[in-house]
Amino acid sequence: MVGNCKKFHFVKPGETCAVIAANNRISTSDFIRWNPAAGSSCTGLWANTYACISV
């Protein structure tokens, strides 16, 4: 996760990078750039953790 994150989202089971991005009106590419541990195909996104949705 980037160090300058200003807003977080609690990841629920079953959510994907694309769904979180769309629900927060950001691009999937921004989401992945701000959450590099998720990986380019979003396989590293874990439920019950926080993800950055704004910088």
Protein backbone atom coordinates (compact mmCIF):
# COMPACT_ATOMS: atom_id res chain seq x y z
CA MET A 1 0.00 0.00 0.00
CA VAL A 2 1.26 3.48 -0.78
CA GLY A 3 2.38 5.63 2.13
CA ASN A 4 0.30 8.68 1.17
CA CYS A 5 -3.11 6.97 1.25
CA LYS A 6 -5.93 9.26 2.41
CA LYS A 7 -8.94 6.91 2.36
CA PHE A 8 -9.29 3.20 3.03
CA HIS A 9 -11.82 0.48 2.20
CA PHE A 10 -12.37 -2.63 4.32
CA VAL A 11 -12.31 -5.54 1.85
CA LYS A 12 -15.24 -7.92 2.28
CA PRO A 13 -15.19 -11.58 1.20
CA GLY A 14 -15.93 -11.90 -2.51
CA GLU A 15 -14.99 -8.34 -3.46
CA THR A 16 -12.62 -7.83 -6.38
CA CYS A 17 -10.29 -4.99 -7.33
CA ALA A 18 -12.64 -3.99 -10.16
CA VAL A 19 -15.73 -3.93 -7.91
CA ILE A 20 -13.99 -1.89 -5.21
CA ALA A 21 -12.64 0.52 -7.83
CA ALA A 22 -16.03 0.98 -9.52
CA ASN A 23 -17.85 1.46 -6.22
CA ASN A 24 -15.38 4.19 -5.25
CA ARG A 25 -15.25 5.85 -8.68
CA ILE A 26 -11.57 5.17 -9.31
CA SER A 27 -9.91 3.20 -12.08
CA THR A 28 -8.84 -0.38 -11.52
CA SER A 29 -5.33 0.61 -12.60
CA ASP A 30 -5.19 3.29 -9.88
CA PHE A 31 -6.45 0.78 -7.33
CA ILE A 32 -3.73 -1.70 -8.27
CA ARG A 33 -1.05 1.03 -8.30
CA TRP A 34 -2.10 2.14 -4.80
CA ASN A 35 -2.33 -1.48 -3.59
CA PRO A 36 0.60 -3.23 -5.30
CA ALA A 37 0.30 -6.31 -3.08
CA ALA A 38 -3.01 -7.05 -4.83
CA GLY A 39 -1.03 -7.80 -7.98
CA SER A 40 -1.81 -6.97 -11.58
CA SER A 41 -4.49 -9.68 -11.75
CA CYS A 42 -5.85 -8.92 -8.24
CA THR A 43 -4.99 -12.40 -6.92
CA GLY A 44 -3.26 -10.89 -3.89
CA LEU A 45 -6.34 -9.02 -2.61
CA TRP A 46 -7.31 -10.45 0.77
CA ALA A 47 -10.68 -10.20 2.51
CA ASN A 48 -10.86 -8.63 5.98
CA THR A 49 -7.99 -6.23 5.27
CA TYR A 50 -7.87 -2.57 4.29
CA ALA A 51 -7.13 -1.30 0.79
CA CYS A 52 -6.25 2.23 -0.31
CA ILE A 53 -8.92 3.97 -2.39
CA SER A 54 -7.65 7.57 -2.43
CA VAL A 55 -4.30 9.36 -2.39
